[in-house]
Amino acid sequence: MLFLFKALLGVATIGGGVVLPVAMSQSGTDTGTKTLQEHARESGKALGETVNRLVGSLVELRRKEQAKSQENGNFSAVFKDLQDKGCQLIQNPAGSKDDFHALYACKKNKKDKSQKTSFYYLGSRDSVKVMGRDALKEITTATYKSDGQLMFALKDSNQQISISVVADNEGGWSYFNNVNLSDKCQIETRMLGGEDLRCELVDKNNSRSFFYNFSIF
């Protein structure tokens, strides 16, 4: 019983009862401590990665929200500009099915016959998203091509844009040959209501001029 008690206390006896301390092994305790430290490091690393992913997701969400807000602002600015100019979409069955990549005729006071009508081209939806009001460009002249394309010269630029129209070599568009739109075309109100685009054109022999009304509003 005495020996068992000493062993439990971590001591041993030798010779004439001299008591010596016995060094107890700590390997089990060290291994447990090391495992806990590794687990803590791994948990901290995993937590850090989770936090980084969360922060990255929040940053990306914020970026998308800002981009969407910018896009909405661009659309609002363009259509407000069209409204302020008194613009109307020129309906074109062969062209775009929405308000983009389209032509607009603009006149603030339609009752004032001395006020000229101005004409604008609005770019594609994607261009409006990015450029905003810069996607709205004033156009000056129009020329019809036999393949059903109208070519428009942009004001203050050497660029041209083309829009498809109904191909008709005998129709009204076919008489557009470098026609200055603001000089030759005006928005006019019909006596019974509604509006037309009335253009002064020249026949294909350049021998006489005539007026052609487009019902395109």
N, C-alpha and C. Protein backbone atom coordinates (compact mmCIF):
# COMPACT_ATOMS: atom_id res chain seq x y z
N MET A 1 0.83 -1.20 0.00
CA MET A 1 0.00 0.00 0.00
C MET A 1 0.86 1.24 0.00
N LEU A 2 1.94 1.24 0.79
CA LEU A 2 2.85 2.39 0.84
C LEU A 2 3.50 2.61 -0.50
N PHE A 3 3.94 1.51 -1.17
CA PHE A 3 4.57 1.63 -2.49
C PHE A 3 3.60 2.21 -3.52
N LEU A 4 2.40 1.75 -3.48
CA LEU A 4 1.39 2.25 -4.41
C LEU A 4 1.14 3.72 -4.18
N PHE A 5 1.10 4.13 -2.93
CA PHE A 5 0.87 5.54 -2.59
C PHE A 5 2.01 6.41 -3.09
N LYS A 6 3.27 5.95 -2.96
CA LYS A 6 4.43 6.71 -3.43
C LYS A 6 4.44 6.80 -4.95
N ALA A 7 4.09 5.69 -5.57
CA ALA A 7 4.07 5.72 -7.02
C ALA A 7 3.06 6.73 -7.52
N LEU A 8 1.94 6.79 -6.85
CA LEU A 8 0.92 7.75 -7.25
C LEU A 8 1.40 9.17 -7.04
N LEU A 9 2.23 9.39 -6.04
CA LEU A 9 2.76 10.73 -5.78
C LEU A 9 3.92 11.07 -6.67
N GLY A 10 4.39 10.13 -7.46
CA GLY A 10 5.49 10.39 -8.39
C GLY A 10 6.84 10.28 -7.73
N VAL A 11 7.02 9.44 -6.72
CA VAL A 11 8.31 9.27 -6.08
C VAL A 11 8.62 7.78 -6.04
N ALA A 12 9.90 7.45 -5.79
CA ALA A 12 10.33 6.05 -5.67
C ALA A 12 11.33 5.94 -4.53
N THR A 13 11.48 4.75 -3.97
CA THR A 13 12.45 4.55 -2.88
C THR A 13 13.56 3.65 -3.38
N ILE A 14 14.79 3.92 -2.90
CA ILE A 14 15.93 3.05 -3.21
C ILE A 14 16.72 2.85 -1.93
N GLY A 15 17.46 1.77 -1.86
CA GLY A 15 18.33 1.51 -0.75
C GLY A 15 17.60 1.61 0.56
N GLY A 16 18.15 2.46 1.46
CA GLY A 16 17.64 2.56 2.82
C GLY A 16 16.51 3.51 2.95
N GLY A 17 15.65 3.53 2.01
CA GLY A 17 14.44 4.35 2.14
C GLY A 17 14.60 5.76 1.64
N VAL A 18 15.70 6.02 0.86
CA VAL A 18 15.89 7.37 0.29
C VAL A 18 14.84 7.59 -0.79
N VAL A 19 14.21 8.69 -0.69
CA VAL A 19 13.12 9.00 -1.63
C VAL A 19 13.62 9.90 -2.74
N LEU A 20 13.42 9.50 -4.01
CA LEU A 20 13.82 10.31 -5.16
C LEU A 20 12.58 10.65 -5.99
N PRO A 21 12.55 11.85 -6.47
CA PRO A 21 11.41 12.21 -7.33
C PRO A 21 11.51 11.50 -8.67
N VAL A 22 10.41 11.16 -9.24
CA VAL A 22 10.35 10.51 -10.54
C VAL A 22 9.77 11.49 -11.55
N ALA A 23 10.46 11.68 -12.67
CA ALA A 23 9.97 12.60 -13.71
C ALA A 23 8.83 11.93 -14.45
N MET A 24 7.64 12.53 -14.41
CA MET A 24 6.46 11.98 -15.07
C MET A 24 6.41 12.45 -16.53
N SER A 25 6.00 11.57 -17.41
CA SER A 25 5.94 11.90 -18.84
C SER A 25 4.83 12.90 -19.11
N GLN A 26 5.11 13.93 -19.96
CA GLN A 26 4.14 14.96 -20.35
C GLN A 26 3.72 14.81 -21.81
N SER A 27 4.10 13.67 -22.44
CA SER A 27 3.85 13.54 -23.87
C SER A 27 2.37 13.64 -24.21
N GLY A 28 1.54 13.03 -23.40
CA GLY A 28 0.10 13.11 -23.67
C GLY A 28 -0.40 14.53 -23.58
N THR A 29 0.03 15.30 -22.59
CA THR A 29 -0.39 16.69 -22.41
C THR A 29 0.12 17.56 -23.54
N ASP A 30 1.42 17.37 -23.94
CA ASP A 30 1.99 18.17 -25.03
C ASP A 30 1.24 17.94 -26.33
N THR A 31 0.91 16.67 -26.60
CA THR A 31 0.20 16.35 -27.84
C THR A 31 -1.17 17.00 -27.85
N GLY A 32 -1.83 16.96 -26.71
CA GLY A 32 -3.15 17.60 -26.63
C GLY A 32 -3.07 19.09 -26.84
N THR A 33 -2.05 19.74 -26.24
CA THR A 33 -1.87 21.18 -26.40
C THR A 33 -1.58 21.53 -27.85
N LYS A 34 -0.71 20.74 -28.49
CA LYS A 34 -0.36 20.99 -29.89
C LYS A 34 -1.59 20.86 -30.78
N THR A 35 -2.39 19.82 -30.50
CA THR A 35 -3.60 19.62 -31.30
C THR A 35 -4.56 20.80 -31.16
N LEU A 36 -4.71 21.29 -29.96
CA LEU A 36 -5.58 22.44 -29.72
C LEU A 36 -5.07 23.68 -30.43
N GLN A 37 -3.74 23.88 -30.40
CA GLN A 37 -3.15 25.04 -31.07
C GLN A 37 -3.35 24.96 -32.59
N GLU A 38 -3.14 23.76 -33.15
CA GLU A 38 -3.35 23.60 -34.59
C GLU A 38 -4.81 23.82 -34.95
N HIS A 39 -5.68 23.29 -34.12
CA HIS A 39 -7.12 23.47 -34.37
C HIS A 39 -7.49 24.95 -34.31
N ALA A 40 -6.89 25.65 -33.35
CA ALA A 40 -7.17 27.09 -33.23
C ALA A 40 -6.67 27.85 -34.44
N ARG A 41 -5.45 27.48 -34.91
CA ARG A 41 -4.91 28.14 -36.09
C ARG A 41 -5.78 27.86 -37.32
N GLU A 42 -6.19 26.60 -37.49
CA GLU A 42 -7.03 26.25 -38.63
C GLU A 42 -8.38 26.95 -38.58
N SER A 43 -8.92 27.01 -37.35
CA SER A 43 -10.21 27.69 -37.19
C SER A 43 -10.08 29.17 -37.50
N GLY A 44 -8.97 29.77 -37.03
CA GLY A 44 -8.74 31.18 -37.31
C GLY A 44 -8.56 31.44 -38.80
N LYS A 45 -7.83 30.54 -39.45
CA LYS A 45 -7.63 30.68 -40.90
C LYS A 45 -8.94 30.56 -41.65
N ALA A 46 -9.75 29.56 -41.26
CA ALA A 46 -11.04 29.36 -41.91
C ALA A 46 -11.95 30.56 -41.69
N LEU A 47 -11.92 31.08 -40.45
CA LEU A 47 -12.74 32.26 -40.15
C LEU A 47 -12.29 33.46 -40.97
N GLY A 48 -10.97 33.62 -41.10
CA GLY A 48 -10.45 34.73 -41.90
C GLY A 48 -10.86 34.62 -43.35
N GLU A 49 -10.80 33.38 -43.89
CA GLU A 49 -11.22 33.18 -45.28
C GLU A 49 -12.70 33.47 -45.46
N THR A 50 -13.50 33.06 -44.48
CA THR A 50 -14.94 33.32 -44.54
C THR A 50 -15.22 34.82 -44.50
N VAL A 51 -14.52 35.51 -43.61
CA VAL A 51 -14.69 36.97 -43.51
C VAL A 51 -14.28 37.64 -44.82
N ASN A 52 -13.16 37.19 -45.40
CA ASN A 52 -12.71 37.78 -46.66
C ASN A 52 -13.73 37.56 -47.78
N ARG A 53 -14.28 36.33 -47.83
CA ARG A 53 -15.31 36.06 -48.85
C ARG A 53 -16.53 36.93 -48.63
N LEU A 54 -16.92 37.08 -47.36
CA LEU A 54 -18.09 37.90 -47.04
C LEU A 54 -17.85 39.35 -47.43
N VAL A 55 -16.67 39.87 -47.09
CA VAL A 55 -16.34 41.25 -47.44
C VAL A 55 -16.30 41.41 -48.96
N GLY A 56 -15.69 40.42 -49.64
CA GLY A 56 -15.65 40.48 -51.10
C GLY A 56 -17.03 40.48 -51.72
N SER A 57 -17.93 39.65 -51.16
CA SER A 57 -19.30 39.60 -51.67
C SER A 57 -20.02 40.93 -51.46
N LEU A 58 -19.81 41.53 -50.29
CA LEU A 58 -20.44 42.81 -49.99
C LEU A 58 -19.91 43.91 -50.92
N VAL A 59 -18.60 43.88 -51.17
CA VAL A 59 -18.00 44.87 -52.07
C VAL A 59 -18.56 44.71 -53.49
N GLU A 60 -18.66 43.45 -53.95
CA GLU A 60 -19.19 43.19 -55.29
C GLU A 60 -20.66 43.60 -55.38
N LEU A 61 -21.42 43.31 -54.32
CA LEU A 61 -22.83 43.70 -54.31
C LEU A 61 -22.96 45.22 -54.37
N ARG A 62 -22.13 45.91 -53.61
CA ARG A 62 -22.15 47.37 -53.61
C ARG A 62 -21.77 47.91 -54.99
N ARG A 63 -20.77 47.26 -55.62
CA ARG A 63 -20.35 47.71 -56.95
C ARG A 63 -21.49 47.54 -57.95
N LYS A 64 -22.18 46.40 -57.88
CA LYS A 64 -23.30 46.16 -58.79
C LYS A 64 -24.43 47.16 -58.55
N GLU A 65 -24.69 47.47 -57.27
CA GLU A 65 -25.74 48.44 -56.96
C GLU A 65 -25.39 49.82 -57.51
N GLN A 66 -24.11 50.21 -57.37
CA GLN A 66 -23.68 51.50 -57.89
C GLN A 66 -23.77 51.53 -59.41
N ALA A 67 -23.36 50.41 -60.05
CA ALA A 67 -23.43 50.35 -61.52
C ALA A 67 -24.88 50.43 -61.98
N LYS A 68 -25.77 49.72 -61.28
CA LYS A 68 -27.19 49.76 -61.65
C LYS A 68 -27.76 51.15 -61.47
N SER A 69 -27.37 51.80 -60.37
CA SER A 69 -27.83 53.16 -60.13
C SER A 69 -27.33 54.11 -61.22
N GLN A 70 -26.07 53.91 -61.65
CA GLN A 70 -25.51 54.73 -62.71
C GLN A 70 -26.25 54.50 -64.02
N GLU A 71 -26.55 53.24 -64.32
CA GLU A 71 -27.30 52.92 -65.54
C GLU A 71 -28.68 53.57 -65.53
N ASN A 72 -29.37 53.44 -64.40
CA ASN A 72 -30.70 54.04 -64.29
C ASN A 72 -30.62 55.55 -64.45
N GLY A 73 -29.57 56.13 -63.87
CA GLY A 73 -29.37 57.58 -64.02
C GLY A 73 -29.12 57.97 -65.46
N ASN A 74 -28.37 57.14 -66.19
CA ASN A 74 -28.09 57.42 -67.60
C ASN A 74 -29.37 57.37 -68.43
N PHE A 75 -30.19 56.35 -68.19
CA PHE A 75 -31.46 56.25 -68.93
C PHE A 75 -32.35 57.45 -68.63
N SER A 76 -32.44 57.80 -67.35
CA SER A 76 -33.30 58.93 -66.96
C SER A 76 -32.83 60.22 -67.62
N ALA A 77 -31.51 60.42 -67.65
CA ALA A 77 -30.96 61.65 -68.22
C ALA A 77 -31.25 61.74 -69.72
N VAL A 78 -31.13 60.62 -70.43
CA VAL A 78 -31.38 60.62 -71.88
C VAL A 78 -32.83 60.94 -72.18
N PHE A 79 -33.75 60.27 -71.51
CA PHE A 79 -35.17 60.47 -71.83
C PHE A 79 -35.67 61.83 -71.33
N LYS A 80 -35.05 62.36 -70.29
CA LYS A 80 -35.39 63.72 -69.88
C LYS A 80 -34.92 64.72 -70.93
N ASP A 81 -33.74 64.46 -71.49
CA ASP A 81 -33.21 65.33 -72.55
C ASP A 81 -34.13 65.30 -73.77
N LEU A 82 -34.60 64.12 -74.15
CA LEU A 82 -35.53 64.00 -75.27
C LEU A 82 -36.83 64.74 -74.98
N GLN A 83 -37.30 64.62 -73.76
CA GLN A 83 -38.54 65.30 -73.38
C GLN A 83 -38.35 66.82 -73.41
N ASP A 84 -37.23 67.28 -72.88
CA ASP A 84 -36.96 68.73 -72.87
C ASP A 84 -36.87 69.30 -74.28
N LYS A 85 -36.39 68.50 -75.21
CA LYS A 85 -36.25 68.95 -76.60
C LYS A 85 -37.56 68.84 -77.38
N GLY A 86 -38.57 68.24 -76.76
CA GLY A 86 -39.84 68.04 -77.47
C GLY A 86 -39.74 66.98 -78.54
N CYS A 87 -39.04 65.90 -78.25
CA CYS A 87 -38.77 64.87 -79.26
C CYS A 87 -39.86 63.81 -79.33
N GLN A 88 -40.06 63.31 -80.53
CA GLN A 88 -40.96 62.20 -80.79
C GLN A 88 -40.22 61.10 -81.53
N LEU A 89 -40.49 59.87 -81.13
CA LEU A 89 -39.88 58.73 -81.80
C LEU A 89 -40.46 58.58 -83.20
N ILE A 90 -39.59 58.46 -84.19
CA ILE A 90 -40.03 58.20 -85.56
C ILE A 90 -40.25 56.70 -85.70
N GLN A 91 -41.51 56.31 -85.87
CA GLN A 91 -41.85 54.89 -85.97
C GLN A 91 -41.25 54.31 -87.25
N ASN A 92 -40.66 53.13 -87.09
CA ASN A 92 -39.98 52.51 -88.22
C ASN A 92 -40.17 50.99 -88.16
N PRO A 93 -41.12 50.45 -88.92
CA PRO A 93 -41.41 49.01 -88.87
C PRO A 93 -40.20 48.13 -89.18
N ALA A 94 -39.28 48.63 -89.97
CA ALA A 94 -38.12 47.81 -90.36
C ALA A 94 -36.95 47.99 -89.41
N GLY A 95 -37.08 48.88 -88.44
CA GLY A 95 -35.97 49.18 -87.56
C GLY A 95 -36.11 48.56 -86.19
N SER A 96 -35.58 49.24 -85.20
CA SER A 96 -35.61 48.75 -83.83
C SER A 96 -37.04 48.64 -83.32
N LYS A 97 -37.27 47.66 -82.46
CA LYS A 97 -38.61 47.45 -81.90
C LYS A 97 -38.80 48.20 -80.58
N ASP A 98 -37.83 48.97 -80.17
CA ASP A 98 -37.98 49.74 -78.95
C ASP A 98 -37.49 51.17 -79.20
N ASP A 99 -37.19 51.89 -78.14
CA ASP A 99 -36.83 53.30 -78.26
C ASP A 99 -35.35 53.52 -78.56
N PHE A 100 -34.58 52.45 -78.75
CA PHE A 100 -33.14 52.57 -78.94
C PHE A 100 -32.75 52.25 -80.39
N HIS A 101 -31.54 52.70 -80.75
CA HIS A 101 -31.08 52.60 -82.15
C HIS A 101 -32.20 53.12 -83.05
N ALA A 102 -32.62 54.35 -82.75
CA ALA A 102 -33.80 54.90 -83.41
C ALA A 102 -33.64 56.39 -83.64
N LEU A 103 -34.52 56.94 -84.47
CA LEU A 103 -34.51 58.36 -84.81
C LEU A 103 -35.60 59.11 -84.06
N TYR A 104 -35.30 60.36 -83.75
CA TYR A 104 -36.25 61.24 -83.07
C TYR A 104 -36.32 62.57 -83.81
N ALA A 105 -37.54 63.06 -83.97
CA ALA A 105 -37.75 64.41 -84.51
C ALA A 105 -38.15 65.29 -83.33
N CYS A 106 -37.51 66.46 -83.21
CA CYS A 106 -37.67 67.27 -82.01
C CYS A 106 -38.04 68.71 -82.35
N LYS A 107 -39.09 69.17 -81.68
CA LYS A 107 -39.52 70.56 -81.85
C LYS A 107 -40.30 70.96 -80.60
N LYS A 108 -39.80 71.98 -79.90
CA LYS A 108 -40.42 72.37 -78.64
C LYS A 108 -41.81 72.95 -78.84
N ASN A 109 -41.92 73.88 -79.78
CA ASN A 109 -43.20 74.54 -80.02
C ASN A 109 -43.70 74.17 -81.42
N LYS A 110 -44.56 73.20 -81.48
CA LYS A 110 -45.01 72.69 -82.78
C LYS A 110 -45.93 73.68 -83.50
N LYS A 111 -46.46 74.65 -82.78
CA LYS A 111 -47.33 75.65 -83.40
C LYS A 111 -46.53 76.75 -84.10
N ASP A 112 -45.27 76.85 -83.77
CA ASP A 112 -44.41 77.88 -84.35
C ASP A 112 -43.79 77.34 -85.64
N LYS A 113 -44.32 77.75 -86.77
CA LYS A 113 -43.84 77.25 -88.05
C LYS A 113 -42.45 77.77 -88.41
N SER A 114 -42.04 78.83 -87.73
CA SER A 114 -40.70 79.36 -88.01
C SER A 114 -39.62 78.58 -87.28
N GLN A 115 -40.01 77.81 -86.30
CA GLN A 115 -39.04 77.02 -85.54
C GLN A 115 -38.72 75.73 -86.29
N LYS A 116 -37.45 75.49 -86.50
CA LYS A 116 -37.05 74.30 -87.24
C LYS A 116 -37.14 73.04 -86.38
N THR A 117 -37.36 71.94 -87.06
CA THR A 117 -37.34 70.64 -86.40
C THR A 117 -35.91 70.11 -86.42
N SER A 118 -35.45 69.64 -85.29
CA SER A 118 -34.11 69.03 -85.24
C SER A 118 -34.27 67.51 -85.13
N PHE A 119 -33.23 66.81 -85.50
CA PHE A 119 -33.31 65.35 -85.57
C PHE A 119 -32.14 64.73 -84.81
N TYR A 120 -32.46 63.66 -84.08
CA TYR A 120 -31.46 63.01 -83.24
C TYR A 120 -31.51 61.50 -83.44
N TYR A 121 -30.33 60.92 -83.27
CA TYR A 121 -30.21 59.46 -83.26
C TYR A 121 -29.86 59.03 -81.84
N LEU A 122 -30.64 58.09 -81.30
CA LEU A 122 -30.33 57.52 -79.99
C LEU A 122 -29.72 56.14 -80.20
N GLY A 123 -28.55 55.93 -79.60
CA GLY A 123 -27.83 54.68 -79.77
C GLY A 123 -28.52 53.49 -79.13
N SER A 124 -27.84 52.37 -79.12
CA SER A 124 -28.38 51.13 -78.58
C SER A 124 -28.56 51.24 -77.07
N ARG A 125 -29.32 50.31 -76.52
CA ARG A 125 -29.53 50.28 -75.06
C ARG A 125 -28.19 50.19 -74.32
N ASP A 126 -27.30 49.33 -74.81
CA ASP A 126 -26.00 49.17 -74.15
C ASP A 126 -25.19 50.46 -74.18
N SER A 127 -25.25 51.18 -75.29
CA SER A 127 -24.50 52.44 -75.38
C SER A 127 -25.06 53.48 -74.42
N VAL A 128 -26.39 53.48 -74.24
CA VAL A 128 -26.99 54.42 -73.28
C VAL A 128 -26.58 54.06 -71.86
N LYS A 129 -26.50 52.77 -71.56
CA LYS A 129 -26.07 52.33 -70.23
C LYS A 129 -24.72 52.93 -69.87
N VAL A 130 -23.82 52.91 -70.84
CA VAL A 130 -22.44 53.35 -70.59
C VAL A 130 -22.27 54.85 -70.78
N MET A 131 -22.86 55.40 -71.85
CA MET A 131 -22.58 56.78 -72.25
C MET A 131 -23.60 57.79 -71.75
N GLY A 132 -24.77 57.34 -71.40
CA GLY A 132 -25.80 58.27 -70.96
C GLY A 132 -26.20 59.22 -72.08
N ARG A 133 -26.22 60.51 -71.78
CA ARG A 133 -26.67 61.52 -72.75
C ARG A 133 -25.76 61.60 -73.97
N ASP A 134 -24.52 61.14 -73.85
CA ASP A 134 -23.61 61.18 -75.00
C ASP A 134 -24.03 60.19 -76.09
N ALA A 135 -24.94 59.27 -75.75
CA ALA A 135 -25.43 58.33 -76.76
C ALA A 135 -26.50 58.96 -77.65
N LEU A 136 -26.91 60.18 -77.31
CA LEU A 136 -27.89 60.92 -78.12
C LEU A 136 -27.14 61.90 -79.00
N LYS A 137 -27.22 61.72 -80.32
CA LYS A 137 -26.42 62.52 -81.25
C LYS A 137 -27.31 63.19 -82.29
N GLU A 138 -27.04 64.47 -82.52
CA GLU A 138 -27.82 65.20 -83.53
C GLU A 138 -27.35 64.79 -84.92
N ILE A 139 -28.31 64.64 -85.84
CA ILE A 139 -27.98 64.28 -87.21
C ILE A 139 -28.37 65.42 -88.15
N THR A 140 -27.70 65.48 -89.29
CA THR A 140 -27.91 66.59 -90.21
C THR A 140 -28.53 66.15 -91.53
N THR A 141 -27.89 65.27 -92.25
CA THR A 141 -28.39 64.89 -93.58
C THR A 141 -28.73 63.40 -93.64
N ALA A 142 -29.58 63.07 -94.61
CA ALA A 142 -29.99 61.68 -94.80
C ALA A 142 -29.88 61.30 -96.27
N THR A 143 -29.39 60.09 -96.51
CA THR A 143 -29.27 59.57 -97.88
C THR A 143 -29.76 58.13 -97.91
N TYR A 144 -30.63 57.85 -98.86
CA TYR A 144 -31.19 56.50 -98.98
C TYR A 144 -30.31 55.64 -99.88
N LYS A 145 -30.10 54.40 -99.44
CA LYS A 145 -29.38 53.41 -100.25
C LYS A 145 -30.38 52.37 -100.76
N SER A 146 -30.10 51.82 -101.91
CA SER A 146 -31.06 50.93 -102.57
C SER A 146 -31.35 49.65 -101.78
N ASP A 147 -30.49 49.33 -100.82
CA ASP A 147 -30.71 48.11 -100.03
C ASP A 147 -31.60 48.34 -98.82
N GLY A 148 -32.26 49.50 -98.77
CA GLY A 148 -33.16 49.79 -97.66
C GLY A 148 -32.46 50.37 -96.45
N GLN A 149 -31.31 50.99 -96.64
CA GLN A 149 -30.58 51.62 -95.55
C GLN A 149 -30.63 53.13 -95.71
N LEU A 150 -30.90 53.81 -94.60
CA LEU A 150 -30.78 55.27 -94.57
C LEU A 150 -29.48 55.62 -93.87
N MET A 151 -28.66 56.40 -94.54
CA MET A 151 -27.39 56.83 -93.96
C MET A 151 -27.55 58.25 -93.43
N PHE A 152 -27.15 58.45 -92.18
CA PHE A 152 -27.28 59.76 -91.55
C PHE A 152 -25.91 60.28 -91.15
N ALA A 153 -25.66 61.55 -91.47
CA ALA A 153 -24.42 62.21 -91.05
C ALA A 153 -24.65 62.82 -89.68
N LEU A 154 -23.68 62.64 -88.79
CA LEU A 154 -23.78 63.19 -87.45
C LEU A 154 -23.23 64.61 -87.43
N LYS A 155 -23.89 65.47 -86.69
CA LYS A 155 -23.44 66.85 -86.58
C LYS A 155 -22.12 66.90 -85.82
N ASP A 156 -21.24 67.80 -86.24
CA ASP A 156 -19.93 67.98 -85.59
C ASP A 156 -19.11 66.69 -85.57
N SER A 157 -19.27 65.88 -86.60
CA SER A 157 -18.51 64.63 -86.66
C SER A 157 -18.46 64.16 -88.11
N ASN A 158 -17.42 63.40 -88.43
CA ASN A 158 -17.33 62.81 -89.76
C ASN A 158 -17.99 61.44 -89.82
N GLN A 159 -18.56 61.02 -88.70
CA GLN A 159 -19.17 59.70 -88.63
C GLN A 159 -20.54 59.68 -89.28
N GLN A 160 -20.92 58.48 -89.69
CA GLN A 160 -22.26 58.23 -90.20
C GLN A 160 -22.85 57.01 -89.50
N ILE A 161 -24.15 56.99 -89.39
CA ILE A 161 -24.84 55.82 -88.86
C ILE A 161 -25.89 55.40 -89.87
N SER A 162 -26.25 54.14 -89.86
CA SER A 162 -27.26 53.64 -90.79
C SER A 162 -28.39 52.98 -90.03
N ILE A 163 -29.59 53.14 -90.56
CA ILE A 163 -30.78 52.52 -89.99
C ILE A 163 -31.58 51.89 -91.12
N SER A 164 -32.05 50.68 -90.88
CA SER A 164 -32.86 50.00 -91.89
C SER A 164 -34.26 50.60 -91.96
N VAL A 165 -34.75 50.78 -93.17
CA VAL A 165 -36.14 51.19 -93.39
C VAL A 165 -36.73 50.21 -94.40
N VAL A 166 -38.03 50.30 -94.60
CA VAL A 166 -38.67 49.42 -95.58
C VAL A 166 -38.10 49.72 -96.97
N ALA A 167 -37.53 48.71 -97.58
CA ALA A 167 -36.92 48.90 -98.91
C ALA A 167 -38.00 49.14 -99.95
N ASP A 168 -38.00 50.33 -100.52
CA ASP A 168 -39.00 50.70 -101.52
C ASP A 168 -38.39 51.78 -102.40
N ASN A 169 -37.96 51.40 -103.56
CA ASN A 169 -37.29 52.36 -104.45
C ASN A 169 -38.24 53.39 -105.04
N GLU A 170 -39.53 53.25 -104.75
CA GLU A 170 -40.49 54.26 -105.21
C GLU A 170 -41.13 54.98 -104.03
N GLY A 171 -40.76 54.59 -102.81
CA GLY A 171 -41.34 55.20 -101.62
C GLY A 171 -40.70 56.52 -101.27
N GLY A 172 -41.24 57.16 -100.23
CA GLY A 172 -40.76 58.49 -99.84
C GLY A 172 -39.29 58.53 -99.46
N TRP A 173 -38.82 57.48 -98.75
CA TRP A 173 -37.42 57.49 -98.32
C TRP A 173 -36.47 57.47 -99.52
N SER A 174 -36.91 56.88 -100.62
CA SER A 174 -36.02 56.72 -101.77
C SER A 174 -35.62 58.06 -102.38
N TYR A 175 -36.32 59.13 -102.03
CA TYR A 175 -36.00 60.46 -102.57
C TYR A 175 -35.01 61.23 -101.69
N PHE A 176 -34.56 60.59 -100.63
CA PHE A 176 -33.59 61.27 -99.76
C PHE A 176 -32.20 61.09 -100.33
N ASN A 177 -31.67 62.17 -100.84
CA ASN A 177 -30.32 62.16 -101.40
C ASN A 177 -29.57 63.35 -100.83
N ASN A 178 -28.87 63.09 -99.72
CA ASN A 178 -28.15 64.15 -99.01
C ASN A 178 -29.11 65.30 -98.61
N VAL A 179 -30.26 64.92 -98.11
CA VAL A 179 -31.27 65.90 -97.70
C VAL A 179 -30.92 66.45 -96.32
N ASN A 180 -30.86 67.78 -96.22
CA ASN A 180 -30.66 68.42 -94.92
C ASN A 180 -31.99 68.37 -94.17
N LEU A 181 -32.05 67.56 -93.15
CA LEU A 181 -33.32 67.28 -92.49
C LEU A 181 -33.95 68.51 -91.85
N SER A 182 -33.18 69.29 -91.13
CA SER A 182 -33.74 70.47 -90.46
C SER A 182 -34.23 71.52 -91.44
N ASP A 183 -33.59 71.59 -92.60
CA ASP A 183 -34.01 72.58 -93.60
C ASP A 183 -35.22 72.10 -94.41
N LYS A 184 -35.33 70.81 -94.63
CA LYS A 184 -36.33 70.30 -95.56
C LYS A 184 -37.50 69.54 -94.90
N CYS A 185 -37.38 69.21 -93.63
CA CYS A 185 -38.44 68.42 -92.97
C CYS A 185 -38.92 69.11 -91.70
N GLN A 186 -40.24 69.12 -91.52
CA GLN A 186 -40.84 69.76 -90.35
C GLN A 186 -41.97 68.89 -89.80
N ILE A 187 -42.13 68.95 -88.49
CA ILE A 187 -43.30 68.32 -87.86
C ILE A 187 -44.50 69.22 -88.10
N GLU A 188 -45.56 68.65 -88.63
CA GLU A 188 -46.78 69.43 -88.88
C GLU A 188 -47.98 68.72 -88.26
N THR A 189 -48.90 69.53 -87.71
CA THR A 189 -50.11 68.98 -87.10
C THR A 189 -51.22 68.89 -88.14
N ARG A 190 -51.86 67.74 -88.20
CA ARG A 190 -52.97 67.55 -89.13
C ARG A 190 -54.20 68.31 -88.64
N MET A 191 -55.06 68.68 -89.54
CA MET A 191 -56.28 69.41 -89.19
C MET A 191 -57.20 68.56 -88.30
N LEU A 192 -57.21 67.27 -88.53
CA LEU A 192 -58.09 66.38 -87.76
C LEU A 192 -57.35 65.71 -86.60
N GLY A 193 -56.18 66.23 -86.28
CA GLY A 193 -55.41 65.68 -85.17
C GLY A 193 -54.29 64.77 -85.63
N GLY A 194 -53.34 64.59 -84.79
CA GLY A 194 -52.17 63.80 -85.15
C GLY A 194 -51.13 64.65 -85.85
N GLU A 195 -49.99 64.06 -86.09
CA GLU A 195 -48.88 64.80 -86.69
C GLU A 195 -48.19 63.98 -87.77
N ASP A 196 -47.64 64.69 -88.72
CA ASP A 196 -46.85 64.10 -89.80
C ASP A 196 -45.48 64.75 -89.84
N LEU A 197 -44.57 64.08 -90.50
CA LEU A 197 -43.29 64.70 -90.85
C LEU A 197 -43.39 65.08 -92.32
N ARG A 198 -43.41 66.37 -92.58
CA ARG A 198 -43.59 66.88 -93.95
C ARG A 198 -42.24 67.31 -94.48
N CYS A 199 -41.83 66.69 -95.59
CA CYS A 199 -40.51 66.96 -96.15
C CYS A 199 -40.61 67.47 -97.58
N GLU A 200 -39.78 68.45 -97.89
CA GLU A 200 -39.66 68.94 -99.26
C GLU A 200 -38.54 68.16 -99.93
N LEU A 201 -38.89 67.43 -100.98
CA LEU A 201 -37.94 66.57 -101.65
C LEU A 201 -37.83 66.94 -103.12
N VAL A 202 -36.86 66.37 -103.78
CA VAL A 202 -36.62 66.61 -105.21
C VAL A 202 -36.71 65.27 -105.92
N ASP A 203 -37.34 65.26 -107.10
CA ASP A 203 -37.47 64.00 -107.83
C ASP A 203 -36.10 63.50 -108.27
N LYS A 204 -36.07 62.28 -108.74
CA LYS A 204 -34.80 61.63 -109.04
C LYS A 204 -34.08 62.22 -110.24
N ASN A 205 -34.77 63.02 -111.01
CA ASN A 205 -34.13 63.72 -112.13
C ASN A 205 -33.70 65.13 -111.75
N ASN A 206 -33.92 65.47 -110.47
CA ASN A 206 -33.61 66.82 -109.98
C ASN A 206 -34.29 67.90 -110.81
N SER A 207 -35.48 67.58 -111.30
CA SER A 207 -36.17 68.54 -112.16
C SER A 207 -37.27 69.31 -111.44
N ARG A 208 -37.77 68.74 -110.38
CA ARG A 208 -38.83 69.46 -109.66
C ARG A 208 -38.83 69.03 -108.20
N SER A 209 -39.37 69.90 -107.37
CA SER A 209 -39.50 69.59 -105.95
C SER A 209 -40.96 69.29 -105.62
N PHE A 210 -41.17 68.57 -104.56
CA PHE A 210 -42.52 68.24 -104.12
C PHE A 210 -42.49 67.97 -102.61
N PHE A 211 -43.67 67.93 -102.00
CA PHE A 211 -43.76 67.66 -100.56
C PHE A 211 -44.29 66.24 -100.35
N TYR A 212 -43.70 65.59 -99.34
CA TYR A 212 -44.10 64.23 -99.01
C TYR A 212 -44.36 64.18 -97.51
N ASN A 213 -45.53 63.68 -97.12
CA ASN A 213 -45.88 63.56 -95.71
C ASN A 213 -45.68 62.12 -95.22
N PHE A 214 -44.85 62.00 -94.18
CA PHE A 214 -44.62 60.70 -93.55
C PHE A 214 -45.49 60.59 -92.31
N SER A 215 -46.34 59.58 -92.26
CA SER A 215 -47.16 59.33 -91.06
C SER A 215 -46.36 58.39 -90.15
N ILE A 216 -45.45 58.95 -89.40
CA ILE A 216 -44.49 58.13 -88.66
C ILE A 216 -44.46 58.43 -87.16
N PHE A 217 -45.46 59.13 -86.67
CA PHE A 217 -45.51 59.39 -85.22
C PHE A 217 -46.67 58.65 -84.59
